[in-house]
Amino acid sequence: MPPRELRLTPTLFHLLLCLADAPKHGYAMMAEIEERTGGALRPGPSSLYYSLGRLEDAGLIAETDAVAATDDAHEERRRYYALLPAGRRRLKEELAMMAQVLKHARSRGIVATAR
């Protein structure tokens, strides 16, 4: 039996989105998600690292050696994660599905069209 595809919760989706442009460490992803969602989604450290582990187990992200060039003493202790090709494909699929849902909602007058 093939493994089940990981269902993307809002937190998992936002983590993939965080990694779309560059590898990041957990704290940076927590801050980015909170900012992007206007505080509606605030993953704490334990749920964040649990979610990152699920994405790693699914082969969508991987821990990386990439470290930002900085004088911050905390940098060498931080774990950085990068989006893998499978994760990028999954993110694109999810975004395409969201675009279709939004298009349908607009055609039904549920959501105003963009100007």
PDB file of N, CA and C in Angstrom:
ATOM      1  N   MET A   1       0.844  -1.174   0.000  1.00  0.00           N
ATOM      2  CA  MET A   1       0.000   0.000   0.000  1.00  0.00           C
ATOM      3  C   MET A   1       0.894   1.243   0.000  1.00  0.00           C
ATOM      4  N   PRO A   2       0.693   2.180  -0.948  1.00  0.00           N
ATOM      5  CA  PRO A   2       1.523   3.388  -0.987  1.00  0.00           C
ATOM      6  C   PRO A   2       1.240   4.277   0.214  1.00  0.00           C
ATOM      7  N   PRO A   3       2.254   5.038   0.657  1.00  0.00           N
ATOM      8  CA  PRO A   3       2.035   5.933   1.808  1.00  0.00           C
ATOM      9  C   PRO A   3       1.024   7.015   1.466  1.00  0.00           C
ATOM     10  N   ARG A   4       0.244   7.380   2.481  1.00  0.00           N
ATOM     11  CA  ARG A   4      -0.745   8.444   2.277  1.00  0.00           C
ATOM     12  C   ARG A   4      -0.048   9.787   2.149  1.00  0.00           C
ATOM     13  N   GLU A   5      -0.603  10.615   1.275  1.00  0.00           N
ATOM     14  CA  GLU A   5      -0.066  11.953   1.109  1.00  0.00           C
ATOM     15  C   GLU A   5      -0.408  12.787   2.348  1.00  0.00           C
ATOM     16  N   LEU A   6       0.542  13.553   2.800  1.00  0.00           N
ATOM     17  CA  LEU A   6       0.360  14.403   3.974  1.00  0.00           C
ATOM     18  C   LEU A   6      -0.676  15.482   3.684  1.00  0.00           C
ATOM     19  N   ARG A   7      -1.711  15.567   4.516  1.00  0.00           N
ATOM     20  CA  ARG A   7      -2.713  16.627   4.383  1.00  0.00           C
ATOM     21  C   ARG A   7      -2.105  17.914   4.921  1.00  0.00           C
ATOM     22  N   LEU A   8      -2.146  18.958   4.102  1.00  0.00           N
ATOM     23  CA  LEU A   8      -1.546  20.223   4.511  1.00  0.00           C
ATOM     24  C   LEU A   8      -2.509  21.024   5.372  1.00  0.00           C
ATOM     25  N   THR A   9      -2.188  21.117   6.650  1.00  0.00           N
ATOM     26  CA  THR A   9      -2.918  21.993   7.556  1.00  0.00           C
ATOM     27  C   THR A   9      -2.484  23.423   7.254  1.00  0.00           C
ATOM     28  N   PRO A  10      -3.182  24.431   7.786  1.00  0.00           N
ATOM     29  CA  PRO A  10      -2.719  25.809   7.568  1.00  0.00           C
ATOM     30  C   PRO A  10      -1.263  26.025   7.988  1.00  0.00           C
ATOM     31  N   THR A  11      -0.855  25.445   9.116  1.00  0.00           N
ATOM     32  CA  THR A  11       0.528  25.610   9.568  1.00  0.00           C
ATOM     33  C   THR A  11       1.499  24.978   8.582  1.00  0.00           C
ATOM     34  N   LEU A  12       1.219  23.767   8.124  1.00  0.00           N
ATOM     35  CA  LEU A  12       2.104  23.102   7.172  1.00  0.00           C
ATOM     36  C   LEU A  12       2.198  23.881   5.865  1.00  0.00           C
ATOM     37  N   PHE A  13       1.060  24.371   5.391  1.00  0.00           N
ATOM     38  CA  PHE A  13       1.048  25.178   4.168  1.00  0.00           C
ATOM     39  C   PHE A  13       1.915  26.421   4.333  1.00  0.00           C
ATOM     40  N   HIS A  14       1.742  27.131   5.441  1.00  0.00           N
ATOM     41  CA  HIS A  14       2.506  28.366   5.658  1.00  0.00           C
ATOM     42  C   HIS A  14       4.000  28.080   5.826  1.00  0.00           C
ATOM     43  N   LEU A  15       4.352  26.936   6.394  1.00  0.00           N
ATOM     44  CA  LEU A  15       5.767  26.589   6.502  1.00  0.00           C
ATOM     45  C   LEU A  15       6.379  26.373   5.119  1.00  0.00           C
ATOM     46  N   LEU A  16       5.672  25.673   4.246  1.00  0.00           N
ATOM     47  CA  LEU A  16       6.171  25.499   2.875  1.00  0.00           C
ATOM     48  C   LEU A  16       6.313  26.852   2.187  1.00  0.00           C
ATOM     49  N   LEU A  17       5.331  27.711   2.385  1.00  0.00           N
ATOM     50  CA  LEU A  17       5.372  29.042   1.783  1.00  0.00           C
ATOM     51  C   LEU A  17       6.564  29.848   2.304  1.00  0.00           C
ATOM     52  N   CYS A  18       6.871  29.718   3.580  1.00  0.00           N
ATOM     53  CA  CYS A  18       8.026  30.411   4.170  1.00  0.00           C
ATOM     54  C   CYS A  18       9.327  30.010   3.480  1.00  0.00           C
ATOM     55  N   LEU A  19       9.420  28.751   3.103  1.00  0.00           N
ATOM     56  CA  LEU A  19      10.669  28.232   2.551  1.00  0.00           C
ATOM     57  C   LEU A  19      10.766  28.367   1.039  1.00  0.00           C
ATOM     58  N   ALA A  20       9.754  28.957   0.407  1.00  0.00           N
ATOM     59  CA  ALA A  20       9.727  29.045  -1.053  1.00  0.00           C
ATOM     60  C   ALA A  20      10.855  29.900  -1.620  1.00  0.00           C
ATOM     61  N   ASP A  21      11.323  30.891  -0.872  1.00  0.00           N
ATOM     62  CA  ASP A  21      12.357  31.777  -1.414  1.00  0.00           C
ATOM     63  C   ASP A  21      13.759  31.487  -0.895  1.00  0.00           C
ATOM     64  N   ALA A  22      13.884  30.881   0.286  1.00  0.00           N
ATOM     65  CA  ALA A  22      15.213  30.621   0.844  1.00  0.00           C
ATOM     66  C   ALA A  22      15.092  29.759   2.099  1.00  0.00           C
ATOM     67  N   PRO A  23      16.166  29.049   2.459  1.00  0.00           N
ATOM     68  CA  PRO A  23      16.153  28.307   3.724  1.00  0.00           C
ATOM     69  C   PRO A  23      15.980  29.276   4.893  1.00  0.00           C
ATOM     70  N   LYS A  24      15.313  28.803   5.927  1.00  0.00           N
ATOM     71  CA  LYS A  24      15.080  29.634   7.118  1.00  0.00           C
ATOM     72  C   LYS A  24      15.147  28.763   8.368  1.00  0.00           C
ATOM     73  N   HIS A  25      15.333  29.424   9.496  1.00  0.00           N
ATOM     74  CA  HIS A  25      15.287  28.715  10.779  1.00  0.00           C
ATOM     75  C   HIS A  25      13.893  28.881  11.381  1.00  0.00           C
ATOM     76  N   GLY A  26      13.605  28.058  12.368  1.00  0.00           N
ATOM     77  CA  GLY A  26      12.274  28.013  12.951  1.00  0.00           C
ATOM     78  C   GLY A  26      11.745  29.340  13.460  1.00  0.00           C
ATOM     79  N   TYR A  27      12.567  30.082  14.193  1.00  0.00           N
ATOM     80  CA  TYR A  27      12.092  31.346  14.750  1.00  0.00           C
ATOM     81  C   TYR A  27      11.689  32.315  13.645  1.00  0.00           C
ATOM     82  N   ALA A  28      12.481  32.366  12.556  1.00  0.00           N
ATOM     83  CA  ALA A  28      12.150  33.255  11.431  1.00  0.00           C
ATOM     84  C   ALA A  28      10.820  32.833  10.805  1.00  0.00           C
ATOM     85  N   MET A  29      10.589  31.513  10.709  1.00  0.00           N
ATOM     86  CA  MET A  29       9.329  31.040  10.127  1.00  0.00           C
ATOM     87  C   MET A  29       8.148  31.378  11.033  1.00  0.00           C
ATOM     88  N   MET A  30       8.323  31.234  12.353  1.00  0.00           N
ATOM     89  CA  MET A  30       7.236  31.589  13.280  1.00  0.00           C
ATOM     90  C   MET A  30       6.852  33.045  13.114  1.00  0.00           C
ATOM     91  N   ALA A  31       7.855  33.920  13.057  1.00  0.00           N
ATOM     92  CA  ALA A  31       7.597  35.360  12.921  1.00  0.00           C
ATOM     93  C   ALA A  31       6.935  35.673  11.578  1.00  0.00           C
ATOM     94  N   GLU A  32       7.408  35.031  10.505  1.00  0.00           N
ATOM     95  CA  GLU A  32       6.845  35.287   9.182  1.00  0.00           C
ATOM     96  C   GLU A  32       5.383  34.846   9.105  1.00  0.00           C
ATOM     97  N   ILE A  33       5.089  33.698   9.671  1.00  0.00           N
ATOM     98  CA  ILE A  33       3.698  33.203   9.650  1.00  0.00           C
ATOM     99  C   ILE A  33       2.789  34.132  10.441  1.00  0.00           C
ATOM    100  N   GLU A  34       3.236  34.544  11.610  1.00  0.00           N
ATOM    101  CA  GLU A  34       2.426  35.439  12.430  1.00  0.00           C
ATOM    102  C   GLU A  34       2.170  36.761  11.692  1.00  0.00           C
ATOM    103  N   GLU A  35       3.214  37.290  11.053  1.00  0.00           N
ATOM    104  CA  GLU A  35       3.063  38.550  10.317  1.00  0.00           C
ATOM    105  C   GLU A  35       2.134  38.372   9.111  1.00  0.00           C
ATOM    106  N   ARG A  36       2.345  37.299   8.338  1.00  0.00           N
ATOM    107  CA  ARG A  36       1.554  37.071   7.121  1.00  0.00           C
ATOM    108  C   ARG A  36       0.077  36.868   7.431  1.00  0.00           C
ATOM    109  N   THR A  37      -0.223  36.257   8.575  1.00  0.00           N
ATOM    110  CA  THR A  37      -1.619  35.971   8.911  1.00  0.00           C
ATOM    111  C   THR A  37      -2.222  37.028   9.835  1.00  0.00           C
ATOM    112  N   GLY A  38      -1.503  38.102  10.066  1.00  0.00           N
ATOM    113  CA  GLY A  38      -2.008  39.146  10.957  1.00  0.00           C
ATOM    114  C   GLY A  38      -2.243  38.640  12.372  1.00  0.00           C
ATOM    115  N   GLY A  39      -1.445  37.662  12.791  1.00  0.00           N
ATOM    116  CA  GLY A  39      -1.561  37.109  14.139  1.00  0.00           C
ATOM    117  C   GLY A  39      -2.607  36.022  14.278  1.00  0.00           C
ATOM    118  N   ALA A  40      -3.328  35.711  13.215  1.00  0.00           N
ATOM    119  CA  ALA A  40      -4.362  34.676  13.285  1.00  0.00           C
ATOM    120  C   ALA A  40      -3.753  33.286  13.491  1.00  0.00           C
ATOM    121  N   LEU A  41      -2.543  33.088  13.015  1.00  0.00           N
ATOM    122  CA  LEU A  41      -1.852  31.812  13.170  1.00  0.00           C
ATOM    123  C   LEU A  41      -0.520  32.098  13.844  1.00  0.00           C
ATOM    124  N   ARG A  42      -0.346  31.543  15.033  1.00  0.00           N
ATOM    125  CA  ARG A  42       0.877  31.756  15.814  1.00  0.00           C
ATOM    126  C   ARG A  42       1.410  30.424  16.309  1.00  0.00           C
ATOM    127  N   PRO A  43       2.148  29.706  15.481  1.00  0.00           N
ATOM    128  CA  PRO A  43       2.664  28.415  15.948  1.00  0.00           C
ATOM    129  C   PRO A  43       3.702  28.620  17.043  1.00  0.00           C
ATOM    130  N   GLY A  44       3.567  27.880  18.124  1.00  0.00           N
ATOM    131  CA  GLY A  44       4.559  27.913  19.187  1.00  0.00           C
ATOM    132  C   GLY A  44       5.721  27.004  18.819  1.00  0.00           C
ATOM    133  N   PRO A  45       6.807  27.056  19.583  1.00  0.00           N
ATOM    134  CA  PRO A  45       7.983  26.244  19.251  1.00  0.00           C
ATOM    135  C   PRO A  45       7.697  24.742  19.149  1.00  0.00           C
ATOM    136  N   SER A  46       6.949  24.183  20.079  1.00  0.00           N
ATOM    137  CA  SER A  46       6.720  22.735  20.037  1.00  0.00           C
ATOM    138  C   SER A  46       5.885  22.330  18.823  1.00  0.00           C
ATOM    139  N   SER A  47       4.812  23.081  18.527  1.00  0.00           N
ATOM    140  CA  SER A  47       3.997  22.728  17.362  1.00  0.00           C
ATOM    141  C   SER A  47       4.752  23.011  16.066  1.00  0.00           C
ATOM    142  N   LEU A  48       5.593  24.054  16.060  1.00  0.00           N
ATOM    143  CA  LEU A  48       6.379  24.364  14.875  1.00  0.00           C
ATOM    144  C   LEU A  48       7.331  23.215  14.550  1.00  0.00           C
ATOM    145  N   TYR A  49       8.098  22.759  15.538  1.00  0.00           N
ATOM    146  CA  TYR A  49       9.073  21.701  15.264  1.00  0.00           C
ATOM    147  C   TYR A  49       8.413  20.358  15.013  1.00  0.00           C
ATOM    148  N   TYR A  50       7.251  20.114  15.599  1.00  0.00           N
ATOM    149  CA  TYR A  50       6.480  18.912  15.268  1.00  0.00           C
ATOM    150  C   TYR A  50       6.062  18.978  13.796  1.00  0.00           C
ATOM    151  N   SER A  51       5.573  20.138  13.358  1.00  0.00           N
ATOM    152  CA  SER A  51       5.140  20.317  11.974  1.00  0.00           C
ATOM    153  C   SER A  51       6.308  20.198  11.003  1.00  0.00           C
ATOM    154  N   LEU A  52       7.451  20.781  11.353  1.00  0.00           N
ATOM    155  CA  LEU A  52       8.634  20.659  10.510  1.00  0.00           C
ATOM    156  C   LEU A  52       9.050  19.194  10.379  1.00  0.00           C
ATOM    157  N   GLY A  53       8.941  18.446  11.459  1.00  0.00           N
ATOM    158  CA  GLY A  53       9.251  17.012  11.427  1.00  0.00           C
ATOM    159  C   GLY A  53       8.323  16.252  10.497  1.00  0.00           C
ATOM    160  N   ARG A  54       7.047  16.606  10.505  1.00  0.00           N
ATOM    161  CA  ARG A  54       6.087  15.961   9.605  1.00  0.00           C
ATOM    162  C   ARG A  54       6.427  16.256   8.149  1.00  0.00           C
ATOM    163  N   LEU A  55       6.800  17.512   7.860  1.00  0.00           N
ATOM    164  CA  LEU A  55       7.178  17.879   6.494  1.00  0.00           C
ATOM    165  C   LEU A  55       8.467  17.163   6.065  1.00  0.00           C
ATOM    166  N   GLU A  56       9.394  17.010   7.004  1.00  0.00           N
ATOM    167  CA  GLU A  56      10.626  16.265   6.705  1.00  0.00           C
ATOM    168  C   GLU A  56      10.308  14.798   6.420  1.00  0.00           C
ATOM    169  N   ASP A  57       9.494  14.194   7.271  1.00  0.00           N
ATOM    170  CA  ASP A  57       9.123  12.783   7.100  1.00  0.00           C
ATOM    171  C   ASP A  57       8.418  12.543   5.773  1.00  0.00           C
ATOM    172  N   ALA A  58       7.686  13.536   5.296  1.00  0.00           N
ATOM    173  CA  ALA A  58       6.964  13.423   4.021  1.00  0.00           C
ATOM    174  C   ALA A  58       7.872  13.714   2.821  1.00  0.00           C
ATOM    175  N   GLY A  59       9.135  14.091   3.067  1.00  0.00           N
ATOM    176  CA  GLY A  59      10.070  14.360   1.983  1.00  0.00           C
ATOM    177  C   GLY A  59       9.848  15.690   1.288  1.00  0.00           C
ATOM    178  N   LEU A  60       9.206  16.644   1.991  1.00  0.00           N
ATOM    179  CA  LEU A  60       8.920  17.946   1.392  1.00  0.00           C
ATOM    180  C   LEU A  60       9.957  19.009   1.747  1.00  0.00           C
ATOM    181  N   ILE A  61      10.602  18.857   2.891  1.00  0.00           N
ATOM    182  CA  ILE A  61      11.661  19.769   3.328  1.00  0.00           C
ATOM    183  C   ILE A  61      12.801  18.944   3.906  1.00  0.00           C
ATOM    184  N   ALA A  62      13.952  19.590   4.095  1.00  0.00           N
ATOM    185  CA  ALA A  62      15.093  18.925   4.735  1.00  0.00           C
ATOM    186  C   ALA A  62      15.877  19.951   5.535  1.00  0.00           C
ATOM    187  N   GLU A  63      16.470  19.468   6.616  1.00  0.00           N
ATOM    188  CA  GLU A  63      17.367  20.325   7.375  1.00  0.00           C
ATOM    189  C   GLU A  63      18.591  20.573   6.501  1.00  0.00           C
ATOM    190  N   THR A  64      19.136  21.788   6.582  1.00  0.00           N
ATOM    191  CA  THR A  64      20.251  22.165   5.724  1.00  0.00           C
ATOM    192  C   THR A  64      21.337  22.829   6.548  1.00  0.00           C
ATOM    193  N   ASP A  65      22.526  22.886   5.985  1.00  0.00           N
ATOM    194  CA  ASP A  65      23.650  23.543   6.657  1.00  0.00           C
ATOM    195  C   ASP A  65      23.691  25.030   6.397  1.00  0.00           C
ATOM    196  N   ALA A  66      22.767  25.537   5.579  1.00  0.00           N
ATOM    197  CA  ALA A  66      22.753  26.967   5.236  1.00  0.00           C
ATOM    198  C   ALA A  66      22.584  27.810   6.493  1.00  0.00           C
ATOM    199  N   VAL A  67      23.502  28.708   6.714  1.00  0.00           N
ATOM    200  CA  VAL A  67      23.438  29.608   7.864  1.00  0.00           C
ATOM    201  C   VAL A  67      23.662  31.021   7.357  1.00  0.00           C
ATOM    202  N   ALA A  68      22.828  31.932   7.813  1.00  0.00           N
ATOM    203  CA  ALA A  68      22.964  33.329   7.402  1.00  0.00           C
ATOM    204  C   ALA A  68      24.276  33.905   7.939  1.00  0.00           C
ATOM    205  N   ALA A  69      24.894  34.744   7.161  1.00  0.00           N
ATOM    206  CA  ALA A  69      26.122  35.418   7.595  1.00  0.00           C
ATOM    207  C   ALA A  69      25.739  36.530   8.562  1.00  0.00           C
ATOM    208  N   THR A  70      26.032  36.317   9.825  1.00  0.00           N
ATOM    209  CA  THR A  70      25.672  37.286  10.859  1.00  0.00           C
ATOM    210  C   THR A  70      26.583  37.090  12.065  1.00  0.00           C
ATOM    211  N   ASP A  71      26.627  38.079  12.902  1.00  0.00           N
ATOM    212  CA  ASP A  71      27.418  37.980  14.125  1.00  0.00           C
ATOM    213  C   ASP A  71      26.593  37.449  15.287  1.00  0.00           C
ATOM    214  N   ASP A  72      25.349  37.084  15.044  1.00  0.00           N
ATOM    215  CA  ASP A  72      24.460  36.596  16.088  1.00  0.00           C
ATOM    216  C   ASP A  72      24.984  35.269  16.642  1.00  0.00           C
ATOM    217  N   ALA A  73      25.239  35.217  17.927  1.00  0.00           N
ATOM    218  CA  ALA A  73      25.771  34.012  18.575  1.00  0.00           C
ATOM    219  C   ALA A  73      24.785  32.844  18.503  1.00  0.00           C
ATOM    220  N   HIS A  74      23.498  33.132  18.341  1.00  0.00           N
ATOM    221  CA  HIS A  74      22.485  32.070  18.293  1.00  0.00           C
ATOM    222  C   HIS A  74      22.482  31.337  16.947  1.00  0.00           C
ATOM    223  N   GLU A  75      23.041  31.948  15.898  1.00  0.00           N
ATOM    224  CA  GLU A  75      22.956  31.385  14.554  1.00  0.00           C
ATOM    225  C   GLU A  75      23.483  29.962  14.465  1.00  0.00           C
ATOM    226  N   GLU A  76      24.614  29.684  15.085  1.00  0.00           N
ATOM    227  CA  GLU A  76      25.192  28.346  14.919  1.00  0.00           C
ATOM    228  C   GLU A  76      24.373  27.273  15.618  1.00  0.00           C
ATOM    229  N   ARG A  77      23.500  27.635  16.530  1.00  0.00           N
ATOM    230  CA  ARG A  77      22.638  26.655  17.196  1.00  0.00           C
ATOM    231  C   ARG A  77      21.314  26.464  16.472  1.00  0.00           C
ATOM    232  N   ARG A  78      20.971  27.374  15.588  1.00  0.00           N
ATOM    233  CA  ARG A  78      19.689  27.302  14.896  1.00  0.00           C
ATOM    234  C   ARG A  78      19.713  26.244  13.811  1.00  0.00           C
ATOM    235  N   ARG A  79      18.574  25.564  13.677  1.00  0.00           N
ATOM    236  CA  ARG A  79      18.430  24.574  12.615  1.00  0.00           C
ATOM    237  C   ARG A  79      17.710  25.226  11.446  1.00  0.00           C
ATOM    238  N   TYR A  80      18.319  25.145  10.282  1.00  0.00           N
ATOM    239  CA  TYR A  80      17.748  25.721   9.069  1.00  0.00           C
ATOM    240  C   TYR A  80      17.092  24.613   8.246  1.00  0.00           C
ATOM    241  N   TYR A  81      16.033  24.985   7.544  1.00  0.00           N
ATOM    242  CA  TYR A  81      15.301  24.048   6.699  1.00  0.00           C
ATOM    243  C   TYR A  81      15.182  24.622   5.298  1.00  0.00           C
ATOM    244  N   ALA A  82      15.172  23.715   4.322  1.00  0.00           N
ATOM    245  CA  ALA A  82      15.054  24.119   2.916  1.00  0.00           C
ATOM    246  C   ALA A  82      13.934  23.317   2.262  1.00  0.00           C
ATOM    247  N   LEU A  83      13.296  23.922   1.302  1.00  0.00           N
ATOM    248  CA  LEU A  83      12.242  23.277   0.529  1.00  0.00           C
ATOM    249  C   LEU A  83      12.887  22.337  -0.489  1.00  0.00           C
ATOM    250  N   LEU A  84      12.431  21.106  -0.536  1.00  0.00           N
ATOM    251  CA  LEU A  84      12.908  20.134  -1.521  1.00  0.00           C
ATOM    252  C   LEU A  84      12.048  20.241  -2.782  1.00  0.00           C
ATOM    253  N   PRO A  85      12.506  19.686  -3.905  1.00  0.00           N
ATOM    254  CA  PRO A  85      11.698  19.743  -5.134  1.00  0.00           C
ATOM    255  C   PRO A  85      10.275  19.202  -4.940  1.00  0.00           C
ATOM    256  N   ALA A  86      10.114  18.139  -4.174  1.00  0.00           N
ATOM    257  CA  ALA A  86       8.771  17.599  -3.919  1.00  0.00           C
ATOM    258  C   ALA A  86       7.926  18.600  -3.135  1.00  0.00           C
ATOM    259  N   GLY A  87       8.543  19.334  -2.225  1.00  0.00           N
ATOM    260  CA  GLY A  87       7.836  20.348  -1.462  1.00  0.00           C
ATOM    261  C   GLY A  87       7.414  21.518  -2.327  1.00  0.00           C
ATOM    262  N   ARG A  88       8.282  21.906  -3.252  1.00  0.00           N
ATOM    263  CA  ARG A  88       7.949  22.998  -4.172  1.00  0.00           C
ATOM    264  C   ARG A  88       6.779  22.585  -5.071  1.00  0.00           C
ATOM    265  N   ARG A  89       6.801  21.335  -5.572  1.00  0.00           N
ATOM    266  CA  ARG A  89       5.685  20.841  -6.393  1.00  0.00           C
ATOM    267  C   ARG A  89       4.393  20.835  -5.583  1.00  0.00           C
ATOM    268  N   ARG A  90       4.479  20.362  -4.350  1.00  0.00           N
ATOM    269  CA  ARG A  90       3.286  20.290  -3.500  1.00  0.00           C
ATOM    270  C   ARG A  90       2.728  21.678  -3.215  1.00  0.00           C
ATOM    271  N   LEU A  91       3.602  22.642  -2.958  1.00  0.00           N
ATOM    272  CA  LEU A  91       3.174  24.013  -2.716  1.00  0.00           C
ATOM    273  C   LEU A  91       2.493  24.583  -3.951  1.00  0.00           C
ATOM    274  N   LYS A  92       3.065  24.362  -5.127  1.00  0.00           N
ATOM    275  CA  LYS A  92       2.458  24.851  -6.368  1.00  0.00           C
ATOM    276  C   LYS A  92       1.092  24.213  -6.604  1.00  0.00           C
ATOM    277  N   GLU A  93       0.967  22.916  -6.324  1.00  0.00           N
ATOM    278  CA  GLU A  93      -0.324  22.234  -6.478  1.00  0.00           C
ATOM    279  C   GLU A  93      -1.369  22.843  -5.543  1.00  0.00           C
ATOM    280  N   GLU A  94      -0.970  23.082  -4.312  1.00  0.00           N
ATOM    281  CA  GLU A  94      -1.895  23.649  -3.321  1.00  0.00           C
ATOM    282  C   GLU A  94      -2.319  25.057  -3.730  1.00  0.00           C
ATOM    283  N   LEU A  95      -1.379  25.859  -4.203  1.00  0.00           N
ATOM    284  CA  LEU A  95      -1.699  27.219  -4.635  1.00  0.00           C
ATOM    285  C   LEU A  95      -2.607  27.215  -5.865  1.00  0.00           C
ATOM    286  N   ALA A  96      -2.382  26.277  -6.786  1.00  0.00           N
ATOM    287  CA  ALA A  96      -3.244  26.168  -7.973  1.00  0.00           C
ATOM    288  C   ALA A  96      -4.665  25.796  -7.560  1.00  0.00           C
ATOM    289  N   MET A  97      -4.792  24.884  -6.594  1.00  0.00           N
ATOM    290  CA  MET A  97      -6.116  24.496  -6.107  1.00  0.00           C
ATOM    291  C   MET A  97      -6.801  25.689  -5.433  1.00  0.00           C
ATOM    292  N   MET A  98      -6.050  26.446  -4.652  1.00  0.00           N
ATOM    293  CA  MET A  98      -6.617  27.633  -4.002  1.00  0.00           C
ATOM    294  C   MET A  98      -7.066  28.661  -5.037  1.00  0.00           C
ATOM    295  N   ALA A  99      -6.288  28.831  -6.103  1.00  0.00           N
ATOM    296  CA  ALA A  99      -6.655  29.773  -7.161  1.00  0.00           C
ATOM    297  C   ALA A  99      -7.963  29.348  -7.820  1.00  0.00           C
ATOM    298  N   GLN A 100      -8.144  28.039  -8.031  1.00  0.00           N
ATOM    299  CA  GLN A 100      -9.385  27.535  -8.623  1.00  0.00           C
ATOM    300  C   GLN A 100     -10.583  27.786  -7.698  1.00  0.00           C
ATOM    301  N   VAL A 101     -10.392  27.560  -6.416  1.00  0.00           N
ATOM    302  CA  VAL A 101     -11.464  27.804  -5.443  1.00  0.00           C
ATOM    303  C   VAL A 101     -11.823  29.284  -5.424  1.00  0.00           C
ATOM    304  N   LEU A 102     -10.821  30.148  -5.432  1.00  0.00           N
ATOM    305  CA  LEU A 102     -11.059  31.588  -5.431  1.00  0.00           C
ATOM    306  C   LEU A 102     -11.776  32.015  -6.713  1.00  0.00           C
ATOM    307  N   LYS A 103     -11.367  31.470  -7.842  1.00  0.00           N
ATOM    308  CA  LYS A 103     -12.021  31.773  -9.123  1.00  0.00           C
ATOM    309  C   LYS A 103     -13.496  31.379  -9.074  1.00  0.00           C
ATOM    310  N   HIS A 104     -13.768  30.211  -8.523  1.00  0.00           N
ATOM    311  CA  HIS A 104     -15.152  29.747  -8.404  1.00  0.00           C
ATOM    312  C   HIS A 104     -15.950  30.680  -7.472  1.00  0.00           C
ATOM    313  N   ALA A 105     -15.356  31.041  -6.338  1.00  0.00           N
ATOM    314  CA  ALA A 105     -16.040  31.921  -5.388  1.00  0.00           C
ATOM    315  C   ALA A 105     -16.335  33.276  -6.018  1.00  0.00           C
ATOM    316  N   ARG A 106     -15.401  33.792  -6.806  1.00  0.00           N
ATOM    317  CA  ARG A 106     -15.624  35.068  -7.486  1.00  0.00           C
ATOM    318  C   ARG A 106     -16.732  34.954  -8.518  1.00  0.00           C
ATOM    319  N   SER A 107     -16.762  33.844  -9.252  1.00  0.00           N
ATOM    320  CA  SER A 107     -17.796  33.673 -10.281  1.00  0.00           C
ATOM    321  C   SER A 107     -19.187  33.552  -9.675  1.00  0.00           C
ATOM    322  N   ARG A 108     -19.257  33.131  -8.428  1.00  0.00           N
ATOM    323  CA  ARG A 108     -20.550  33.011  -7.740  1.00  0.00           C
ATOM    324  C   ARG A 108     -20.885  34.252  -6.943  1.00  0.00           C
ATOM    325  N   GLY A 109     -20.011  35.270  -6.971  1.00  0.00           N
ATOM    326  CA  GLY A 109     -20.267  36.503  -6.245  1.00  0.00           C
ATOM    327  C   GLY A 109     -20.002  36.396  -4.749  1.00  0.00           C
ATOM    328  N   ILE A 110     -19.343  35.342  -4.334  1.00  0.00           N
ATOM    329  CA  ILE A 110     -19.063  35.150  -2.907  1.00  0.00           C
ATOM    330  C   ILE A 110     -17.918  36.050  -2.465  1.00  0.00           C
ATOM    331  N   VAL A 111     -16.971  36.265  -3.371  1.00  0.00           N
ATOM    332  CA  VAL A 111     -15.803  37.104  -3.112  1.00  0.00           C
ATOM    333  C   VAL A 111     -15.729  38.137  -4.236  1.00  0.00           C
ATOM    334  N   ALA A 112     -15.435  39.363  -3.875  1.00  0.00           N
ATOM    335  CA  ALA A 112     -15.333  40.420  -4.892  1.00  0.00           C
ATOM    336  C   ALA A 112     -14.135  40.166  -5.796  1.00  0.00           C
ATOM    337  N   THR A 113     -14.243  40.557  -7.040  1.00  0.00           N
ATOM    338  CA  THR A 113     -13.134  40.405  -7.968  1.00  0.00           C
ATOM    339  C   THR A 113     -12.060  41.452  -7.655  1.00  0.00           C
ATOM    340  N   ALA A 114     -10.822  41.079  -7.930  1.00  0.00           N
ATOM    341  CA  ALA A 114      -9.694  42.005  -7.697  1.00  0.00           C
ATOM    342  C   ALA A 114      -9.717  43.112  -8.742  1.00  0.00           C
ATOM    343  N   ARG A 115      -9.318  44.291  -8.348  1.00  0.00           N
ATOM    344  CA  ARG A 115      -9.277  45.432  -9.276  1.00  0.00           C
ATOM    345  C   ARG A 115      -7.884  45.756  -9.647  1.00  0.00           C
TER     346      ARG A 115
END
